[in-house]
Every structure is written in C-alpha cells, then in structure tokens.
Amino acid sequence: IYLIPNVTMLHHLGHTEEHKLPCALVKATNHNYIR
C-alpha cells in the first residue's frame, strides 16, 4: 500500500478540533454517539 506525497485531498473527519496543551497540539474528531 502506497501513499503519494505530492497528491493532496481535503477530507472531513467527524467534527475535528485542535486543542493546544502545554506540551502538545491534540486533535479530537468529536464523532457523534452513533459513530
């Protein structure tokens, strides 16, 4: 299985948000209860 680095795509994953913590940047997808 191969990734093609120079080809990009916009995609929507759940209700993603970024949260800045003291030592890291964390992403949360925030999927609904059914998912």
PDB file of all heavy atoms in Angstrom:
ATOM      1  N   ILE A   1       0.863  -1.179   0.000  1.00  0.00           N
ATOM      2  CA  ILE A   1       0.000   0.000   0.000  1.00  0.00           C
ATOM      3  C   ILE A   1       0.895   1.224   0.000  1.00  0.00           C
ATOM      4  O   ILE A   1       1.838   1.311   0.797  1.00  0.00           O
ATOM      5  CB  ILE A   1      -0.906  -0.005   1.245  1.00  0.00           C
ATOM      6  CG1 ILE A   1      -1.858  -1.207   1.173  1.00  0.00           C
ATOM      7  CG2 ILE A   1      -1.706   1.284   1.358  1.00  0.00           C
ATOM      8  CD1 ILE A   1      -2.042  -1.892   2.466  1.00  0.00           C
ATOM      9  N   TYR A   2       0.599   2.166  -0.896  1.00  0.00           N
ATOM     10  CA  TYR A   2       1.484   3.311  -1.058  1.00  0.00           C
ATOM     11  C   TYR A   2       0.754   4.644  -0.932  1.00  0.00           C
ATOM     12  O   TYR A   2      -0.383   4.800  -1.402  1.00  0.00           O
ATOM     13  CB  TYR A   2       2.164   3.262  -2.433  1.00  0.00           C
ATOM     14  CG  TYR A   2       3.160   2.136  -2.580  1.00  0.00           C
ATOM     15  CD1 TYR A   2       2.860   1.027  -3.357  1.00  0.00           C
ATOM     16  CD2 TYR A   2       4.396   2.182  -1.944  1.00  0.00           C
ATOM     17  CE1 TYR A   2       3.767  -0.014  -3.501  1.00  0.00           C
ATOM     18  CE2 TYR A   2       5.312   1.146  -2.084  1.00  0.00           C
ATOM     19  CZ  TYR A   2       4.997   0.050  -2.859  1.00  0.00           C
ATOM     20  OH  TYR A   2       5.898  -0.974  -2.996  1.00  0.00           O
ATOM     21  N   LEU A   3       1.435   5.586  -0.299  1.00  0.00           N
ATOM     22  CA  LEU A   3       0.999   6.977  -0.234  1.00  0.00           C
ATOM     23  C   LEU A   3       1.722   7.753  -1.328  1.00  0.00           C
ATOM     24  O   LEU A   3       2.910   7.538  -1.559  1.00  0.00           O
ATOM     25  CB  LEU A   3       1.338   7.562   1.133  1.00  0.00           C
ATOM     26  CG  LEU A   3       1.043   9.055   1.336  1.00  0.00           C
ATOM     27  CD1 LEU A   3      -0.450   9.273   1.527  1.00  0.00           C
ATOM     28  CD2 LEU A   3       1.817   9.592   2.539  1.00  0.00           C
ATOM     29  N   ILE A   4       0.994   8.665  -1.997  1.00  0.00           N
ATOM     30  CA  ILE A   4       1.590   9.553  -2.991  1.00  0.00           C
ATOM     31  C   ILE A   4       1.721  10.924  -2.338  1.00  0.00           C
ATOM     32  O   ILE A   4       0.731  11.658  -2.226  1.00  0.00           O
ATOM     33  CB  ILE A   4       0.718   9.654  -4.265  1.00  0.00           C
ATOM     34  CG1 ILE A   4       0.280   8.270  -4.741  1.00  0.00           C
ATOM     35  CG2 ILE A   4       1.467  10.416  -5.352  1.00  0.00           C
ATOM     36  CD1 ILE A   4       1.381   7.406  -5.275  1.00  0.00           C
ATOM     37  N   PRO A   5       2.900  11.318  -1.862  1.00  0.00           N
ATOM     38  CA  PRO A   5       3.032  12.542  -1.050  1.00  0.00           C
ATOM     39  C   PRO A   5       2.627  13.823  -1.760  1.00  0.00           C
ATOM     40  O   PRO A   5       2.141  14.755  -1.113  1.00  0.00           O
ATOM     41  CB  PRO A   5       4.531  12.563  -0.692  1.00  0.00           C
ATOM     42  CG  PRO A   5       4.992  11.154  -0.854  1.00  0.00           C
ATOM     43  CD  PRO A   5       4.171  10.600  -1.973  1.00  0.00           C
ATOM     44  N   ASN A   6       2.825  13.890  -3.080  1.00  0.00           N
ATOM     45  CA  ASN A   6       2.570  15.149  -3.786  1.00  0.00           C
ATOM     46  C   ASN A   6       1.127  15.291  -4.264  1.00  0.00           C
ATOM     47  O   ASN A   6       0.798  16.223  -4.999  1.00  0.00           O
ATOM     48  CB  ASN A   6       3.527  15.306  -4.967  1.00  0.00           C
ATOM     49  CG  ASN A   6       3.381  14.203  -5.997  1.00  0.00           C
ATOM     50  OD1 ASN A   6       3.204  13.039  -5.647  1.00  0.00           O
ATOM     51  ND2 ASN A   6       3.453  14.544  -7.269  1.00  0.00           N
ATOM     52  N   VAL A   7       0.247  14.390  -3.845  1.00  0.00           N
ATOM     53  CA  VAL A   7      -1.181  14.495  -4.171  1.00  0.00           C
ATOM     54  C   VAL A   7      -1.947  14.715  -2.871  1.00  0.00           C
ATOM     55  O   VAL A   7      -1.841  13.923  -1.939  1.00  0.00           O
ATOM     56  CB  VAL A   7      -1.698  13.228  -4.875  1.00  0.00           C
ATOM     57  CG1 VAL A   7      -3.192  13.347  -5.145  1.00  0.00           C
ATOM     58  CG2 VAL A   7      -0.941  12.992  -6.166  1.00  0.00           C
ATOM     59  N   THR A   8      -2.712  15.791  -2.805  1.00  0.00           N
ATOM     60  CA  THR A   8      -3.426  16.143  -1.577  1.00  0.00           C
ATOM     61  C   THR A   8      -4.938  16.093  -1.774  1.00  0.00           C
ATOM     62  O   THR A   8      -5.434  16.242  -2.889  1.00  0.00           O
ATOM     63  CB  THR A   8      -3.026  17.544  -1.085  1.00  0.00           C
ATOM     64  OG1 THR A   8      -3.308  18.504  -2.117  1.00  0.00           O
ATOM     65  CG2 THR A   8      -1.550  17.601  -0.743  1.00  0.00           C
ATOM     66  N   MET A   9      -5.655  15.915  -0.671  1.00  0.00           N
ATOM     67  CA  MET A   9      -7.113  15.872  -0.695  1.00  0.00           C
ATOM     68  C   MET A   9      -7.651  16.458   0.592  1.00  0.00           C
ATOM     69  O   MET A   9      -7.149  16.162   1.682  1.00  0.00           O
ATOM     70  CB  MET A   9      -7.602  14.429  -0.847  1.00  0.00           C
ATOM     71  CG  MET A   9      -9.119  14.281  -0.889  1.00  0.00           C
ATOM     72  SD  MET A   9      -9.667  12.546  -0.869  1.00  0.00           S
ATOM     73  CE  MET A   9      -9.357  12.110   0.859  1.00  0.00           C
ATOM     74  N   LEU A  10      -8.684  17.292   0.476  1.00  0.00           N
ATOM     75  CA  LEU A  10      -9.380  17.793   1.659  1.00  0.00           C
ATOM     76  C   LEU A  10     -10.437  16.776   2.060  1.00  0.00           C
ATOM     77  O   LEU A  10     -11.176  16.258   1.222  1.00  0.00           O
ATOM     78  CB  LEU A  10     -10.035  19.140   1.357  1.00  0.00           C
ATOM     79  CG  LEU A  10      -9.099  20.321   1.156  1.00  0.00           C
ATOM     80  CD1 LEU A  10      -9.895  21.565   0.797  1.00  0.00           C
ATOM     81  CD2 LEU A  10      -8.267  20.573   2.404  1.00  0.00           C
ATOM     82  N   HIS A  11     -10.511  16.506   3.352  1.00  0.00           N
ATOM     83  CA  HIS A  11     -11.431  15.489   3.843  1.00  0.00           C
ATOM     84  C   HIS A  11     -11.986  15.949   5.189  1.00  0.00           C
ATOM     85  O   HIS A  11     -11.301  16.633   5.946  1.00  0.00           O
ATOM     86  CB  HIS A  11     -10.696  14.155   3.992  1.00  0.00           C
ATOM     87  CG  HIS A  11     -11.561  13.021   4.444  1.00  0.00           C
ATOM     88  ND1 HIS A  11     -12.637  12.558   3.716  1.00  0.00           N
ATOM     89  CD2 HIS A  11     -11.501  12.239   5.549  1.00  0.00           C
ATOM     90  CE1 HIS A  11     -13.195  11.552   4.359  1.00  0.00           C
ATOM     91  NE2 HIS A  11     -12.530  11.343   5.476  1.00  0.00           N
ATOM     92  N   HIS A  12     -13.219  15.571   5.472  1.00  0.00           N
ATOM     93  CA  HIS A  12     -13.878  15.984   6.710  1.00  0.00           C
ATOM     94  C   HIS A  12     -14.029  14.775   7.615  1.00  0.00           C
ATOM     95  O   HIS A  12     -14.736  13.824   7.282  1.00  0.00           O
ATOM     96  CB  HIS A  12     -15.254  16.583   6.374  1.00  0.00           C
ATOM     97  CG  HIS A  12     -16.018  17.030   7.577  1.00  0.00           C
ATOM     98  ND1 HIS A  12     -15.507  17.884   8.517  1.00  0.00           N
ATOM     99  CD2 HIS A  12     -17.280  16.733   7.988  1.00  0.00           C
ATOM    100  CE1 HIS A  12     -16.427  18.107   9.456  1.00  0.00           C
ATOM    101  NE2 HIS A  12     -17.498  17.404   9.159  1.00  0.00           N
ATOM    102  N   LEU A  13     -13.352  14.780   8.745  1.00  0.00           N
ATOM    103  CA  LEU A  13     -13.372  13.655   9.669  1.00  0.00           C
ATOM    104  C   LEU A  13     -14.082  14.061  10.953  1.00  0.00           C
ATOM    105  O   LEU A  13     -13.539  14.780  11.794  1.00  0.00           O
ATOM    106  CB  LEU A  13     -11.941  13.204   9.985  1.00  0.00           C
ATOM    107  CG  LEU A  13     -11.790  11.948  10.850  1.00  0.00           C
ATOM    108  CD1 LEU A  13     -12.373  10.731  10.128  1.00  0.00           C
ATOM    109  CD2 LEU A  13     -10.325  11.703  11.166  1.00  0.00           C
ATOM    110  N   GLY A  14     -15.330  13.607  11.099  1.00  0.00           N
ATOM    111  CA  GLY A  14     -16.107  13.948  12.285  1.00  0.00           C
ATOM    112  C   GLY A  14     -16.267  15.450  12.441  1.00  0.00           C
ATOM    113  O   GLY A  14     -16.536  16.170  11.491  1.00  0.00           O
ATOM    114  N   HIS A  15     -16.108  15.950  13.656  1.00  0.00           N
ATOM    115  CA  HIS A  15     -16.156  17.386  13.945  1.00  0.00           C
ATOM    116  C   HIS A  15     -14.817  17.762  14.586  1.00  0.00           C
ATOM    117  O   HIS A  15     -14.744  18.133  15.755  1.00  0.00           O
ATOM    118  CB  HIS A  15     -17.331  17.712  14.867  1.00  0.00           C
ATOM    119  CG  HIS A  15     -18.664  17.306  14.301  1.00  0.00           C
ATOM    120  ND1 HIS A  15     -19.315  18.044  13.346  1.00  0.00           N
ATOM    121  CD2 HIS A  15     -19.436  16.215  14.524  1.00  0.00           C
ATOM    122  CE1 HIS A  15     -20.452  17.446  13.020  1.00  0.00           C
ATOM    123  NE2 HIS A  15     -20.545  16.328  13.726  1.00  0.00           N
ATOM    124  N   THR A  16     -13.788  17.632  13.782  1.00  0.00           N
ATOM    125  CA  THR A  16     -12.424  17.752  14.295  1.00  0.00           C
ATOM    126  C   THR A  16     -12.115  19.152  14.806  1.00  0.00           C
ATOM    127  O   THR A  16     -12.440  20.155  14.178  1.00  0.00           O
ATOM    128  CB  THR A  16     -11.417  17.375  13.195  1.00  0.00           C
ATOM    129  OG1 THR A  16     -11.687  16.032  12.763  1.00  0.00           O
ATOM    130  CG2 THR A  16      -9.988  17.456  13.713  1.00  0.00           C
ATOM    131  N   GLU A  17     -11.464  19.179  15.957  1.00  0.00           N
ATOM    132  CA  GLU A  17     -10.981  20.424  16.551  1.00  0.00           C
ATOM    133  C   GLU A  17      -9.571  20.203  17.070  1.00  0.00           C
ATOM    134  O   GLU A  17      -9.202  19.091  17.457  1.00  0.00           O
ATOM    135  CB  GLU A  17     -11.887  20.869  17.705  1.00  0.00           C
ATOM    136  CG  GLU A  17     -13.303  21.246  17.278  1.00  0.00           C
ATOM    137  CD  GLU A  17     -14.164  21.648  18.463  1.00  0.00           C
ATOM    138  OE1 GLU A  17     -13.696  21.453  19.612  1.00  0.00           O
ATOM    139  OE2 GLU A  17     -15.275  22.137  18.257  1.00  0.00           O
ATOM    140  N   GLU A  18      -8.784  21.288  17.085  1.00  0.00           N
ATOM    141  CA  GLU A  18      -7.454  21.239  17.658  1.00  0.00           C
ATOM    142  C   GLU A  18      -7.467  21.858  19.051  1.00  0.00           C
ATOM    143  O   GLU A  18      -8.104  22.886  19.273  1.00  0.00           O
ATOM    144  CB  GLU A  18      -6.446  21.980  16.780  1.00  0.00           C
ATOM    145  CG  GLU A  18      -6.034  21.218  15.543  1.00  0.00           C
ATOM    146  CD  GLU A  18      -4.941  21.928  14.774  1.00  0.00           C
ATOM    147  OE1 GLU A  18      -4.789  23.157  14.947  1.00  0.00           O
ATOM    148  OE2 GLU A  18      -4.255  21.270  13.977  1.00  0.00           O
ATOM    149  N   HIS A  19      -6.769  21.221  19.985  1.00  0.00           N
ATOM    150  CA  HIS A  19      -6.677  21.733  21.350  1.00  0.00           C
ATOM    151  C   HIS A  19      -5.206  21.858  21.720  1.00  0.00           C
ATOM    152  O   HIS A  19      -4.442  20.886  21.626  1.00  0.00           O
ATOM    153  CB  HIS A  19      -7.392  20.793  22.327  1.00  0.00           C
ATOM    154  CG  HIS A  19      -8.832  20.579  21.991  1.00  0.00           C
ATOM    155  ND1 HIS A  19      -9.820  21.484  22.330  1.00  0.00           N
ATOM    156  CD2 HIS A  19      -9.454  19.577  21.315  1.00  0.00           C
ATOM    157  CE1 HIS A  19     -10.985  21.043  21.905  1.00  0.00           C
ATOM    158  NE2 HIS A  19     -10.792  19.884  21.286  1.00  0.00           N
ATOM    159  N   LYS A  20      -4.820  23.045  22.133  1.00  0.00           N
ATOM    160  CA  LYS A  20      -3.434  23.293  22.482  1.00  0.00           C
ATOM    161  C   LYS A  20      -3.205  23.000  23.952  1.00  0.00           C
ATOM    162  O   LYS A  20      -3.774  23.640  24.831  1.00  0.00           O
ATOM    163  CB  LYS A  20      -3.053  24.739  22.162  1.00  0.00           C
ATOM    164  CG  LYS A  20      -1.561  25.020  22.269  1.00  0.00           C
ATOM    165  CD  LYS A  20      -1.228  26.422  21.797  1.00  0.00           C
ATOM    166  CE  LYS A  20       0.279  26.667  21.848  1.00  0.00           C
ATOM    167  NZ  LYS A  20       0.611  28.042  21.375  1.00  0.00           N
ATOM    168  N   LEU A  21      -2.363  22.007  24.206  1.00  0.00           N
ATOM    169  CA  LEU A  21      -1.981  21.649  25.561  1.00  0.00           C
ATOM    170  C   LEU A  21      -0.576  22.208  25.841  1.00  0.00           C
ATOM    171  O   LEU A  21       0.113  22.638  24.920  1.00  0.00           O
ATOM    172  CB  LEU A  21      -2.002  20.127  25.722  1.00  0.00           C
ATOM    173  CG  LEU A  21      -3.346  19.442  25.442  1.00  0.00           C
ATOM    174  CD1 LEU A  21      -3.221  17.941  25.638  1.00  0.00           C
ATOM    175  CD2 LEU A  21      -4.450  20.009  26.317  1.00  0.00           C
ATOM    176  N   PRO A  22      -0.147  22.215  27.086  1.00  0.00           N
ATOM    177  CA  PRO A  22       1.161  22.791  27.413  1.00  0.00           C
ATOM    178  C   PRO A  22       2.316  22.207  26.605  1.00  0.00           C
ATOM    179  O   PRO A  22       3.265  22.908  26.269  1.00  0.00           O
ATOM    180  CB  PRO A  22       1.317  22.474  28.905  1.00  0.00           C
ATOM    181  CG  PRO A  22      -0.088  22.428  29.409  1.00  0.00           C
ATOM    182  CD  PRO A  22      -0.888  21.823  28.306  1.00  0.00           C
ATOM    183  N   CYS A  23       2.233  20.924  26.280  1.00  0.00           N
ATOM    184  CA  CYS A  23       3.363  20.297  25.589  1.00  0.00           C
ATOM    185  C   CYS A  23       2.985  19.651  24.265  1.00  0.00           C
ATOM    186  O   CYS A  23       3.793  18.944  23.661  1.00  0.00           O
ATOM    187  CB  CYS A  23       4.017  19.253  26.492  1.00  0.00           C
ATOM    188  SG  CYS A  23       2.886  17.959  27.013  1.00  0.00           S
ATOM    189  N   ALA A  24       1.758  19.864  23.779  1.00  0.00           N
ATOM    190  CA  ALA A  24       1.353  19.198  22.541  1.00  0.00           C
ATOM    191  C   ALA A  24       0.124  19.870  21.937  1.00  0.00           C
ATOM    192  O   ALA A  24      -0.616  20.590  22.617  1.00  0.00           O
ATOM    193  CB  ALA A  24       1.058  17.724  22.797  1.00  0.00           C
ATOM    194  N   LEU A  25      -0.082  19.614  20.636  1.00  0.00           N
ATOM    195  CA  LEU A  25      -1.291  20.041  19.929  1.00  0.00           C
ATOM    196  C   LEU A  25      -2.096  18.785  19.632  1.00  0.00           C
ATOM    197  O   LEU A  25      -1.635  17.896  18.910  1.00  0.00           O
ATOM    198  CB  LEU A  25      -0.924  20.766  18.637  1.00  0.00           C
ATOM    199  CG  LEU A  25      -2.078  21.435  17.875  1.00  0.00           C
ATOM    200  CD1 LEU A  25      -2.675  22.569  18.713  1.00  0.00           C
ATOM    201  CD2 LEU A  25      -1.587  21.968  16.537  1.00  0.00           C
ATOM    202  N   VAL A  26      -3.286  18.685  20.216  1.00  0.00           N
ATOM    203  CA  VAL A  26      -4.072  17.460  20.137  1.00  0.00           C
ATOM    204  C   VAL A  26      -5.295  17.688  19.250  1.00  0.00           C
ATOM    205  O   VAL A  26      -5.980  18.716  19.360  1.00  0.00           O
ATOM    206  CB  VAL A  26      -4.526  17.011  21.545  1.00  0.00           C
ATOM    207  CG1 VAL A  26      -5.385  15.767  21.458  1.00  0.00           C
ATOM    208  CG2 VAL A  26      -3.314  16.764  22.422  1.00  0.00           C
ATOM    209  N   LYS A  27      -5.577  16.704  18.390  1.00  0.00           N
ATOM    210  CA  LYS A  27      -6.764  16.746  17.545  1.00  0.00           C
ATOM    211  C   LYS A  27      -7.815  15.798  18.090  1.00  0.00           C
ATOM    212  O   LYS A  27      -7.519  14.648  18.399  1.00  0.00           O
ATOM    213  CB  LYS A  27      -6.412  16.357  16.104  1.00  0.00           C
ATOM    214  CG  LYS A  27      -5.498  17.334  15.388  1.00  0.00           C
ATOM    215  CD  LYS A  27      -5.191  16.856  13.984  1.00  0.00           C
ATOM    216  CE  LYS A  27      -4.229  17.799  13.284  1.00  0.00           C
ATOM    217  NZ  LYS A  27      -3.874  17.327  11.922  1.00  0.00           N
ATOM    218  N   ALA A  28      -9.060  16.281  18.179  1.00  0.00           N
ATOM    219  CA  ALA A  28     -10.186  15.452  18.622  1.00  0.00           C
ATOM    220  C   ALA A  28     -11.217  15.409  17.511  1.00  0.00           C
ATOM    221  O   ALA A  28     -11.625  16.450  16.991  1.00  0.00           O
ATOM    222  CB  ALA A  28     -10.806  16.028  19.887  1.00  0.00           C
ATOM    223  N   THR A  29     -11.645  14.192  17.102  1.00  0.00           N
ATOM    224  CA  THR A  29     -12.585  14.070  15.986  1.00  0.00           C
ATOM    225  C   THR A  29     -14.026  14.363  16.393  1.00  0.00           C
ATOM    226  O   THR A  29     -14.846  14.724  15.550  1.00  0.00           O
ATOM    227  CB  THR A  29     -12.520  12.656  15.388  1.00  0.00           C
ATOM    228  OG1 THR A  29     -12.781  11.694  16.424  1.00  0.00           O
ATOM    229  CG2 THR A  29     -11.143  12.390  14.796  1.00  0.00           C
ATOM    230  N   ASN A  30     -14.369  14.186  17.668  1.00  0.00           N
ATOM    231  CA  ASN A  30     -15.706  14.518  18.178  1.00  0.00           C
ATOM    232  C   ASN A  30     -16.828  13.867  17.367  1.00  0.00           C
ATOM    233  O   ASN A  30     -17.801  14.512  16.995  1.00  0.00           O
ATOM    234  CB  ASN A  30     -15.899  16.042  18.197  1.00  0.00           C
ATOM    235  CG  ASN A  30     -14.902  16.735  19.104  1.00  0.00           C
ATOM    236  OD1 ASN A  30     -14.727  16.355  20.247  1.00  0.00           O
ATOM    237  ND2 ASN A  30     -14.229  17.750  18.573  1.00  0.00           N
ATOM    238  N   HIS A  31     -16.695  12.573  17.089  1.00  0.00           N
ATOM    239  CA  HIS A  31     -17.760  11.863  16.390  1.00  0.00           C
ATOM    240  C   HIS A  31     -19.021  11.817  17.253  1.00  0.00           C
ATOM    241  O   HIS A  31     -18.955  11.816  18.490  1.00  0.00           O
ATOM    242  CB  HIS A  31     -17.327  10.424  16.085  1.00  0.00           C
ATOM    243  CG  HIS A  31     -16.333  10.315  14.965  1.00  0.00           C
ATOM    244  ND1 HIS A  31     -16.596  10.730  13.685  1.00  0.00           N
ATOM    245  CD2 HIS A  31     -15.069   9.821  14.941  1.00  0.00           C
ATOM    246  CE1 HIS A  31     -15.556  10.494  12.920  1.00  0.00           C
ATOM    247  NE2 HIS A  31     -14.607   9.953  13.660  1.00  0.00           N
ATOM    248  N   ASN A  32     -20.195  11.752  16.589  1.00  0.00           N
ATOM    249  CA  ASN A  32     -21.441  11.674  17.343  1.00  0.00           C
ATOM    250  C   ASN A  32     -21.601  10.275  17.957  1.00  0.00           C
ATOM    251  O   ASN A  32     -20.827   9.364  17.697  1.00  0.00           O
ATOM    252  CB  ASN A  32     -22.643  12.038  16.462  1.00  0.00           C
ATOM    253  CG  ASN A  32     -22.831  11.069  15.293  1.00  0.00           C
ATOM    254  OD1 ASN A  32     -22.569   9.881  15.406  1.00  0.00           O
ATOM    255  ND2 ASN A  32     -23.286  11.590  14.169  1.00  0.00           N
ATOM    256  N   TYR A  33     -22.632  10.124  18.787  1.00  0.00           N
ATOM    257  CA  TYR A  33     -22.778   8.890  19.572  1.00  0.00           C
ATOM    258  C   TYR A  33     -23.015   7.664  18.692  1.00  0.00           C
ATOM    259  O   TYR A  33     -22.592   6.550  19.039  1.00  0.00           O
ATOM    260  CB  TYR A  33     -23.914   9.043  20.588  1.00  0.00           C
ATOM    261  CG  TYR A  33     -25.304   9.099  19.990  1.00  0.00           C
ATOM    262  CD1 TYR A  33     -26.083   7.945  19.909  1.00  0.00           C
ATOM    263  CD2 TYR A  33     -25.835  10.295  19.505  1.00  0.00           C
ATOM    264  CE1 TYR A  33     -27.363   7.984  19.363  1.00  0.00           C
ATOM    265  CE2 TYR A  33     -27.099  10.345  18.962  1.00  0.00           C
ATOM    266  CZ  TYR A  33     -27.862   9.194  18.884  1.00  0.00           C
ATOM    267  OH  TYR A  33     -29.114   9.236  18.324  1.00  0.00           O
ATOM    268  N   ILE A  34     -23.681   7.844  17.537  1.00  0.00           N
ATOM    269  CA  ILE A  34     -23.928   6.702  16.659  1.00  0.00           C
ATOM    270  C   ILE A  34     -22.610   6.201  16.076  1.00  0.00           C
ATOM    271  O   ILE A  34     -22.340   4.993  16.055  1.00  0.00           O
ATOM    272  CB  ILE A  34     -24.899   7.096  15.527  1.00  0.00           C
ATOM    273  CG1 ILE A  34     -26.269   7.453  16.122  1.00  0.00           C
ATOM    274  CG2 ILE A  34     -25.043   5.952  14.514  1.00  0.00           C
ATOM    275  CD1 ILE A  34     -27.264   7.940  15.099  1.00  0.00           C
ATOM    276  N   ARG A  35     -21.774   7.134  15.622  1.00  0.00           N
ATOM    277  CA  ARG A  35     -20.482   6.742  15.075  1.00  0.00           C
ATOM    278  C   ARG A  35     -19.599   6.126  16.149  1.00  0.00           C
ATOM    279  O   ARG A  35     -18.858   5.175  15.912  1.00  0.00           O
ATOM    280  CB  ARG A  35     -19.810   7.963  14.453  1.00  0.00           C
ATOM    281  CG  ARG A  35     -18.513   7.660  13.705  1.00  0.00           C
ATOM    282  CD  ARG A  35     -18.775   6.814  12.467  1.00  0.00           C
ATOM    283  NE  ARG A  35     -17.521   6.561  11.781  1.00  0.00           N
ATOM    284  CZ  ARG A  35     -16.991   7.354  10.843  1.00  0.00           C
ATOM    285  NH1 ARG A  35     -17.629   8.464  10.492  1.00  0.00           N
ATOM    286  NH2 ARG A  35     -15.870   7.035  10.256  1.00  0.00           N
TER     287      ARG A  35
END
